[in-house]
Structure formats: structure tokens, C-alpha cells
N, C-alpha and C. Protein backbone atom coordinates (compact mmCIF):
# COMPACT_ATOMS: atom_id res chain seq x y z
N MET A 1 57.32 -6.60 -95.87
CA MET A 1 56.21 -7.46 -96.23
C MET A 1 56.44 -8.88 -95.73
N LYS A 2 57.70 -9.36 -95.81
CA LYS A 2 58.01 -10.71 -95.32
C LYS A 2 57.70 -10.83 -93.84
N LYS A 3 57.95 -9.73 -93.09
CA LYS A 3 57.70 -9.73 -91.65
C LYS A 3 56.22 -9.98 -91.37
N TYR A 4 55.33 -9.34 -92.14
CA TYR A 4 53.90 -9.50 -91.92
C TYR A 4 53.41 -10.88 -92.36
N LEU A 5 53.98 -11.39 -93.42
CA LEU A 5 53.63 -12.74 -93.86
C LEU A 5 54.04 -13.76 -92.82
N LEU A 6 55.24 -13.60 -92.26
CA LEU A 6 55.70 -14.49 -91.19
C LEU A 6 54.79 -14.39 -89.97
N LEU A 7 54.39 -13.16 -89.61
CA LEU A 7 53.49 -12.97 -88.48
C LEU A 7 52.15 -13.65 -88.74
N LEU A 8 51.62 -13.52 -89.94
CA LEU A 8 50.35 -14.15 -90.29
C LEU A 8 50.45 -15.67 -90.20
N ILE A 9 51.54 -16.23 -90.70
CA ILE A 9 51.75 -17.69 -90.61
C ILE A 9 51.84 -18.13 -89.15
N LEU A 10 52.56 -17.37 -88.32
CA LEU A 10 52.67 -17.71 -86.90
C LEU A 10 51.31 -17.66 -86.20
N ILE A 11 50.49 -16.68 -86.56
CA ILE A 11 49.16 -16.59 -85.97
C ILE A 11 48.31 -17.79 -86.38
N PHE A 12 48.36 -18.18 -87.65
CA PHE A 12 47.61 -19.36 -88.09
C PHE A 12 48.09 -20.63 -87.39
N ILE A 13 49.40 -20.79 -87.21
CA ILE A 13 49.93 -21.96 -86.49
C ILE A 13 49.46 -21.94 -85.05
N THR A 14 49.57 -20.77 -84.41
CA THR A 14 49.11 -20.64 -83.02
C THR A 14 47.63 -20.92 -82.91
N THR A 15 46.86 -20.41 -83.86
CA THR A 15 45.41 -20.62 -83.86
C THR A 15 45.07 -22.10 -83.93
N SER A 16 45.73 -22.82 -84.82
CA SER A 16 45.40 -24.24 -84.98
C SER A 16 45.89 -25.08 -83.81
N THR A 17 47.00 -24.69 -83.18
CA THR A 17 47.53 -25.51 -82.08
C THR A 17 46.91 -25.17 -80.73
N THR A 18 46.32 -23.99 -80.58
CA THR A 18 45.71 -23.62 -79.31
C THR A 18 44.19 -23.71 -79.35
N TYR A 19 43.65 -24.21 -80.45
CA TYR A 19 42.20 -24.35 -80.61
C TYR A 19 41.51 -23.00 -80.44
N SER A 20 42.02 -22.00 -81.13
CA SER A 20 41.45 -20.67 -81.06
C SER A 20 40.00 -20.70 -81.52
N GLN A 21 39.19 -19.89 -80.92
CA GLN A 21 37.80 -19.79 -81.32
C GLN A 21 37.60 -18.86 -82.50
N LYS A 22 38.50 -17.86 -82.65
CA LYS A 22 38.30 -16.88 -83.70
C LYS A 22 39.63 -16.25 -84.10
N ILE A 23 39.77 -15.95 -85.38
CA ILE A 23 40.89 -15.18 -85.89
C ILE A 23 40.31 -14.09 -86.77
N GLY A 24 40.89 -12.88 -86.71
CA GLY A 24 40.31 -11.78 -87.46
C GLY A 24 41.34 -10.82 -88.02
N TYR A 25 40.91 -10.04 -88.99
CA TYR A 25 41.72 -8.99 -89.58
C TYR A 25 40.85 -7.75 -89.71
N GLU A 26 41.37 -6.62 -89.24
CA GLU A 26 40.63 -5.36 -89.31
C GLU A 26 41.51 -4.28 -89.93
N PHE A 27 40.93 -3.51 -90.83
CA PHE A 27 41.65 -2.36 -91.35
C PHE A 27 40.77 -1.13 -91.20
N ARG A 28 41.44 0.02 -91.10
CA ARG A 28 40.75 1.28 -90.87
C ARG A 28 41.19 2.33 -91.88
N THR A 29 40.34 3.32 -92.11
CA THR A 29 40.66 4.35 -93.10
C THR A 29 41.77 5.28 -92.63
N ASN A 30 42.19 5.20 -91.37
CA ASN A 30 43.31 6.02 -90.90
C ASN A 30 44.66 5.32 -91.10
N GLY A 31 44.67 4.19 -91.83
CA GLY A 31 45.90 3.49 -92.14
C GLY A 31 46.29 2.40 -91.16
N LYS A 32 45.54 2.24 -90.08
CA LYS A 32 45.85 1.19 -89.10
C LYS A 32 45.22 -0.13 -89.53
N ALA A 33 45.90 -1.23 -89.21
CA ALA A 33 45.37 -2.56 -89.50
C ALA A 33 45.77 -3.49 -88.35
N TYR A 34 44.92 -4.47 -88.06
CA TYR A 34 45.13 -5.35 -86.92
C TYR A 34 44.85 -6.80 -87.29
N ILE A 35 45.63 -7.70 -86.69
CA ILE A 35 45.39 -9.13 -86.76
C ILE A 35 45.13 -9.59 -85.33
N SER A 36 44.11 -10.42 -85.12
CA SER A 36 43.80 -10.86 -83.76
C SER A 36 43.41 -12.33 -83.74
N THR A 37 43.61 -12.95 -82.59
CA THR A 37 43.16 -14.30 -82.35
C THR A 37 42.61 -14.36 -80.93
N SER A 38 41.57 -15.16 -80.72
CA SER A 38 40.95 -15.19 -79.39
C SER A 38 40.55 -16.60 -79.01
N TYR A 39 40.47 -16.81 -77.70
CA TYR A 39 40.06 -18.08 -77.14
C TYR A 39 39.47 -17.85 -75.75
N ALA A 40 38.26 -18.29 -75.54
CA ALA A 40 37.59 -18.29 -74.23
C ALA A 40 37.68 -16.94 -73.51
N GLY A 41 37.39 -15.86 -74.22
CA GLY A 41 37.39 -14.54 -73.59
C GLY A 41 38.72 -13.83 -73.61
N PHE A 42 39.79 -14.50 -73.99
CA PHE A 42 41.12 -13.89 -74.08
C PHE A 42 41.44 -13.60 -75.55
N GLU A 43 42.06 -12.45 -75.79
CA GLU A 43 42.39 -12.07 -77.16
C GLU A 43 43.78 -11.45 -77.21
N ILE A 44 44.49 -11.75 -78.28
CA ILE A 44 45.78 -11.12 -78.57
C ILE A 44 45.59 -10.37 -79.89
N ARG A 45 45.99 -9.09 -79.90
CA ARG A 45 45.84 -8.29 -81.11
C ARG A 45 47.18 -7.62 -81.43
N HIS A 46 47.54 -7.66 -82.70
CA HIS A 46 48.79 -7.04 -83.16
C HIS A 46 48.47 -6.01 -84.23
N ARG A 47 49.01 -4.81 -84.07
CA ARG A 47 48.85 -3.76 -85.07
C ARG A 47 49.94 -3.93 -86.11
N THR A 48 49.55 -4.13 -87.36
CA THR A 48 50.50 -4.55 -88.40
C THR A 48 51.41 -3.43 -88.90
N ASP A 49 51.03 -2.17 -88.73
CA ASP A 49 51.89 -1.09 -89.22
C ASP A 49 52.88 -0.61 -88.17
N LYS A 50 52.83 -1.14 -86.96
CA LYS A 50 53.73 -0.78 -85.87
C LYS A 50 53.95 -2.03 -85.02
N GLU A 51 54.96 -1.96 -84.22
CA GLU A 51 55.14 -3.02 -83.23
C GLU A 51 54.27 -2.67 -82.03
N GLU A 52 53.00 -3.00 -82.11
CA GLU A 52 52.06 -2.67 -81.05
C GLU A 52 51.18 -3.88 -80.79
N ASN A 53 51.15 -4.32 -79.55
CA ASN A 53 50.40 -5.51 -79.17
C ASN A 53 49.46 -5.19 -78.02
N ARG A 54 48.33 -5.90 -78.01
CA ARG A 54 47.35 -5.69 -76.95
C ARG A 54 46.81 -7.04 -76.51
N PHE A 55 46.73 -7.24 -75.21
CA PHE A 55 46.11 -8.42 -74.63
C PHE A 55 44.79 -7.99 -74.02
N THR A 56 43.76 -8.83 -74.20
CA THR A 56 42.42 -8.47 -73.72
C THR A 56 41.78 -9.65 -73.01
N TYR A 57 41.08 -9.34 -71.92
CA TYR A 57 40.14 -10.31 -71.33
C TYR A 57 38.76 -9.67 -71.43
N ARG A 58 37.81 -10.41 -72.00
CA ARG A 58 36.46 -9.90 -72.23
C ARG A 58 35.45 -10.76 -71.46
N HIS A 59 34.57 -10.08 -70.72
CA HIS A 59 33.49 -10.76 -70.02
C HIS A 59 32.16 -10.21 -70.53
N LYS A 60 31.27 -11.11 -70.96
CA LYS A 60 29.97 -10.69 -71.49
C LYS A 60 28.88 -10.93 -70.45
N ILE A 61 28.02 -9.92 -70.28
CA ILE A 61 26.93 -9.98 -69.31
C ILE A 61 25.61 -9.77 -70.05
N PRO A 62 24.72 -10.78 -70.06
CA PRO A 62 23.41 -10.56 -70.70
C PRO A 62 22.59 -9.57 -69.88
N VAL A 63 22.03 -8.56 -70.54
CA VAL A 63 21.21 -7.56 -69.87
C VAL A 63 19.74 -7.92 -70.06
N PHE A 64 19.36 -8.10 -71.31
CA PHE A 64 18.04 -8.58 -71.69
C PHE A 64 18.24 -9.68 -72.72
N GLU A 65 17.16 -10.23 -73.24
CA GLU A 65 17.28 -11.32 -74.21
C GLU A 65 18.14 -10.93 -75.42
N LYS A 66 18.00 -9.72 -75.93
CA LYS A 66 18.73 -9.31 -77.12
C LYS A 66 19.84 -8.30 -76.85
N LEU A 67 20.03 -7.89 -75.60
CA LEU A 67 21.02 -6.88 -75.24
C LEU A 67 22.10 -7.47 -74.35
N THR A 68 23.37 -7.25 -74.74
CA THR A 68 24.50 -7.77 -73.98
C THR A 68 25.48 -6.64 -73.68
N LEU A 69 26.02 -6.64 -72.48
CA LEU A 69 27.09 -5.73 -72.10
C LEU A 69 28.39 -6.51 -72.12
N SER A 70 29.34 -6.07 -72.92
CA SER A 70 30.65 -6.69 -72.99
C SER A 70 31.64 -5.79 -72.27
N LEU A 71 32.43 -6.37 -71.35
CA LEU A 71 33.40 -5.60 -70.58
C LEU A 71 34.81 -6.10 -70.86
N PRO A 72 35.46 -5.56 -71.90
CA PRO A 72 36.84 -5.95 -72.17
C PRO A 72 37.83 -5.08 -71.41
N LEU A 73 38.79 -5.73 -70.81
CA LEU A 73 39.91 -5.05 -70.15
C LEU A 73 41.13 -5.28 -71.02
N HIS A 74 41.72 -4.19 -71.54
CA HIS A 74 42.86 -4.28 -72.45
C HIS A 74 44.14 -3.93 -71.71
N TYR A 75 45.23 -4.56 -72.12
CA TYR A 75 46.56 -4.15 -71.69
C TYR A 75 47.39 -3.91 -72.94
N LYS A 76 47.78 -2.66 -73.17
CA LYS A 76 48.59 -2.29 -74.32
C LYS A 76 50.06 -2.37 -73.90
N VAL A 77 50.74 -3.36 -74.43
CA VAL A 77 52.08 -3.73 -73.96
C VAL A 77 53.08 -2.58 -74.10
N GLU A 78 53.23 -2.03 -75.28
CA GLU A 78 54.27 -1.03 -75.52
C GLU A 78 54.00 0.28 -74.77
N LYS A 79 52.74 0.59 -74.53
CA LYS A 79 52.40 1.81 -73.77
C LYS A 79 52.33 1.55 -72.27
N ASP A 80 52.39 0.26 -71.88
CA ASP A 80 52.22 -0.13 -70.48
C ASP A 80 50.95 0.52 -69.92
N GLN A 81 49.85 0.32 -70.64
CA GLN A 81 48.60 1.00 -70.34
C GLN A 81 47.43 0.02 -70.31
N ALA A 82 46.64 0.11 -69.27
CA ALA A 82 45.40 -0.68 -69.17
C ALA A 82 44.22 0.22 -69.49
N THR A 83 43.26 -0.30 -70.27
CA THR A 83 42.06 0.46 -70.59
C THR A 83 40.84 -0.44 -70.45
N LEU A 84 39.70 0.19 -70.28
CA LEU A 84 38.42 -0.49 -70.23
C LEU A 84 37.62 0.02 -71.43
N GLU A 85 36.88 -0.89 -72.09
CA GLU A 85 36.14 -0.52 -73.30
C GLU A 85 34.76 -1.17 -73.29
N PRO A 86 33.84 -0.68 -72.43
CA PRO A 86 32.51 -1.28 -72.39
C PRO A 86 31.80 -1.17 -73.74
N ARG A 87 31.12 -2.24 -74.11
CA ARG A 87 30.39 -2.28 -75.39
C ARG A 87 28.98 -2.81 -75.13
N LEU A 88 27.98 -2.11 -75.64
CA LEU A 88 26.61 -2.60 -75.64
C LEU A 88 26.33 -3.17 -77.02
N MET A 89 25.78 -4.40 -77.04
CA MET A 89 25.46 -5.07 -78.31
C MET A 89 23.98 -5.44 -78.30
N TYR A 90 23.28 -5.02 -79.36
CA TYR A 90 21.86 -5.33 -79.51
C TYR A 90 21.70 -6.25 -80.71
N LYS A 91 21.20 -7.45 -80.45
CA LYS A 91 21.09 -8.46 -81.50
C LYS A 91 19.72 -8.40 -82.17
N LEU A 92 19.75 -8.14 -83.49
CA LEU A 92 18.55 -8.19 -84.31
C LEU A 92 18.50 -9.56 -84.98
N GLU A 93 17.55 -9.76 -85.88
CA GLU A 93 17.39 -11.08 -86.50
C GLU A 93 18.63 -11.53 -87.27
N LYS A 94 19.21 -10.65 -88.10
CA LYS A 94 20.34 -11.05 -88.94
C LYS A 94 21.62 -10.28 -88.68
N VAL A 95 21.59 -9.24 -87.85
CA VAL A 95 22.76 -8.42 -87.56
C VAL A 95 22.79 -8.05 -86.08
N SER A 96 23.92 -7.55 -85.64
CA SER A 96 24.05 -6.99 -84.29
C SER A 96 24.54 -5.55 -84.40
N LEU A 97 23.94 -4.67 -83.63
CA LEU A 97 24.37 -3.28 -83.54
C LEU A 97 25.18 -3.12 -82.26
N TRP A 98 26.22 -2.30 -82.29
CA TRP A 98 27.03 -2.12 -81.09
C TRP A 98 27.53 -0.70 -80.98
N ALA A 99 27.80 -0.30 -79.72
CA ALA A 99 28.40 0.99 -79.40
C ALA A 99 29.37 0.75 -78.25
N GLN A 100 30.54 1.41 -78.32
CA GLN A 100 31.55 1.21 -77.28
C GLN A 100 32.30 2.51 -77.00
N LYS A 101 32.93 2.57 -75.85
CA LYS A 101 33.71 3.74 -75.43
C LYS A 101 34.93 3.25 -74.67
N GLU A 102 36.13 3.63 -75.13
CA GLU A 102 37.37 3.20 -74.47
C GLU A 102 37.90 4.35 -73.61
N PHE A 103 38.38 4.00 -72.41
CA PHE A 103 38.95 5.00 -71.51
C PHE A 103 39.82 4.32 -70.46
N ASN A 104 40.60 5.14 -69.77
CA ASN A 104 41.29 4.70 -68.56
C ASN A 104 41.23 5.86 -67.57
N HIS A 105 41.92 5.75 -66.45
CA HIS A 105 41.82 6.77 -65.41
C HIS A 105 42.47 8.09 -65.79
N GLU A 106 43.31 8.11 -66.85
CA GLU A 106 44.00 9.33 -67.25
C GLU A 106 43.49 9.92 -68.56
N GLU A 107 42.83 9.12 -69.37
CA GLU A 107 42.55 9.55 -70.74
C GLU A 107 41.16 9.11 -71.19
N ASN A 108 40.48 10.02 -71.88
CA ASN A 108 39.20 9.73 -72.51
C ASN A 108 39.49 9.41 -73.97
N MET A 109 39.15 8.21 -74.43
CA MET A 109 39.54 7.76 -75.76
C MET A 109 38.34 7.72 -76.70
N ASN A 110 38.50 7.07 -77.84
CA ASN A 110 37.48 7.04 -78.87
C ASN A 110 36.21 6.31 -78.46
N ALA A 111 35.12 6.77 -79.03
CA ALA A 111 33.86 6.04 -79.01
C ALA A 111 33.69 5.44 -80.40
N ALA A 112 33.03 4.29 -80.49
CA ALA A 112 32.84 3.65 -81.80
C ALA A 112 31.44 3.05 -81.87
N PHE A 113 30.91 2.98 -83.09
CA PHE A 113 29.58 2.44 -83.36
C PHE A 113 29.70 1.55 -84.58
N GLY A 114 28.89 0.51 -84.65
CA GLY A 114 28.99 -0.33 -85.82
C GLY A 114 27.92 -1.40 -85.91
N ILE A 115 28.11 -2.25 -86.90
CA ILE A 115 27.19 -3.34 -87.17
C ILE A 115 28.01 -4.59 -87.47
N ASP A 116 27.63 -5.71 -86.88
CA ASP A 116 28.24 -7.02 -87.15
C ASP A 116 27.24 -7.85 -87.94
N ILE A 117 27.75 -8.48 -89.00
CA ILE A 117 26.90 -9.31 -89.85
C ILE A 117 27.47 -10.73 -89.86
N PRO A 118 26.88 -11.65 -89.10
CA PRO A 118 27.38 -13.04 -89.12
C PRO A 118 26.83 -13.81 -90.32
N VAL A 119 27.73 -14.52 -91.01
CA VAL A 119 27.35 -15.37 -92.13
C VAL A 119 28.12 -16.68 -91.97
N LYS A 120 27.41 -17.73 -91.55
CA LYS A 120 28.01 -19.04 -91.26
C LYS A 120 29.14 -18.87 -90.24
N ASP A 121 30.38 -19.24 -90.59
CA ASP A 121 31.50 -19.15 -89.65
C ASP A 121 32.23 -17.82 -89.70
N PHE A 122 31.74 -16.87 -90.47
CA PHE A 122 32.39 -15.58 -90.63
C PHE A 122 31.54 -14.48 -90.01
N THR A 123 32.21 -13.43 -89.53
CA THR A 123 31.52 -12.22 -89.09
C THR A 123 32.15 -11.04 -89.80
N TYR A 124 31.31 -10.25 -90.46
CA TYR A 124 31.75 -9.05 -91.13
C TYR A 124 31.35 -7.87 -90.25
N ARG A 125 32.27 -6.93 -90.07
CA ARG A 125 31.98 -5.76 -89.24
C ARG A 125 32.30 -4.51 -90.03
N ILE A 126 31.42 -3.53 -89.90
CA ILE A 126 31.70 -2.20 -90.41
C ILE A 126 31.31 -1.22 -89.32
N GLY A 127 32.17 -0.25 -89.09
CA GLY A 127 31.90 0.68 -88.01
C GLY A 127 32.56 2.02 -88.24
N TRP A 128 32.33 2.93 -87.34
CA TRP A 128 32.88 4.28 -87.39
C TRP A 128 33.28 4.65 -85.98
N ASP A 129 34.38 5.39 -85.81
CA ASP A 129 34.72 5.87 -84.47
C ASP A 129 34.89 7.38 -84.46
N SER A 130 35.01 7.93 -83.27
CA SER A 130 34.99 9.39 -83.09
C SER A 130 36.24 10.09 -83.61
N SER A 131 37.22 9.35 -84.11
CA SER A 131 38.36 9.98 -84.78
C SER A 131 38.09 10.08 -86.29
N ASN A 132 36.82 9.94 -86.66
CA ASN A 132 36.36 9.99 -88.06
C ASN A 132 37.02 8.91 -88.91
N THR A 133 37.08 7.73 -88.36
CA THR A 133 37.70 6.58 -89.03
C THR A 133 36.64 5.51 -89.25
N VAL A 134 36.62 4.96 -90.46
CA VAL A 134 35.77 3.81 -90.76
C VAL A 134 36.61 2.56 -90.55
N ARG A 135 36.02 1.55 -89.92
CA ARG A 135 36.72 0.28 -89.67
C ARG A 135 35.95 -0.85 -90.31
N VAL A 136 36.68 -1.79 -90.91
CA VAL A 136 36.08 -2.96 -91.53
C VAL A 136 36.83 -4.17 -91.01
N ARG A 137 36.09 -5.20 -90.61
CA ARG A 137 36.71 -6.38 -90.02
C ARG A 137 36.10 -7.65 -90.60
N LEU A 138 36.95 -8.66 -90.76
CA LEU A 138 36.52 -10.00 -91.14
C LEU A 138 37.06 -10.94 -90.07
N ALA A 139 36.19 -11.75 -89.49
CA ALA A 139 36.61 -12.72 -88.47
C ALA A 139 36.07 -14.10 -88.82
N LYS A 140 36.84 -15.12 -88.55
CA LYS A 140 36.46 -16.50 -88.83
C LYS A 140 36.42 -17.27 -87.53
N LYS A 141 35.31 -17.94 -87.26
CA LYS A 141 35.18 -18.81 -86.09
C LYS A 141 35.60 -20.22 -86.43
N PHE A 142 36.22 -20.88 -85.47
CA PHE A 142 36.61 -22.28 -85.65
C PHE A 142 35.84 -23.17 -84.72
């Protein structure tokens, strides 16, 4: 537990000193949990139940006024694996709906669907993926 508390403190220090745009925490019904911080399209994510880290660069492309294509390229450090996870996001008046599919040249991975609910500086996310897992996320913008 001390290890995770130390990691959380380090992420908060890093967030405040690097002018991070967002910090988030996500947990899933399959027992996985993640802490992430992002800045200008770059994200670092750490899986709290394992020593697993992922670096991401995300580029967003507007398709229509309310539809955006997000193209994140992930690098999973411990697996030495790069993946692509295209996401379509449709913005409604008070929420955003999204669908994504992660894959690489060797493996077909999970698909996920969900809803993002922005409230002031926070975004609440609830979603489901094809491994029958529910995911819940809280993110804070700075």
C-alpha cells in the first residue's frame, strides 16, 4: 500500500511541476486499476496492481462538428509492444459517446464502448469492453 501511495504522490508532484493538463484514475471490474497523467497529447499510464506502464501519443481529428476520430499510439513498456487504438467520439449536449478498438499487427485486442460525462473540471467515464469488464474513470483537468 505504501508503494501505491508513494506512486500517487509522485504523480501529483509530476503533474504540478510539468503543468499536466489532466490526471485520472480508472478501475475495472476485472481487478485492474490505472493512474494516468497527460499533457499536450502525451500520456503516461501506470497499472497499479502490476508493474506495467504505457506511454501514449494521441492525435485527434475532427470528422464532423460533433464527431471526432482519436488516434492513440501506445507503447507498453514491459511487453515491448506498440498498439493502435482508434476511438470515435460523438459529442452530445451534456455527454460524449465513444467506441474504440485496440490492435497491433500480431494481435486483435479488446473493443470498448462508453460514455464520458464532463462536469466542470472533472470527467466521469463509465464503459464496457469485450472482455466483459465494466470500467469507471475519474479525471481532473488543470
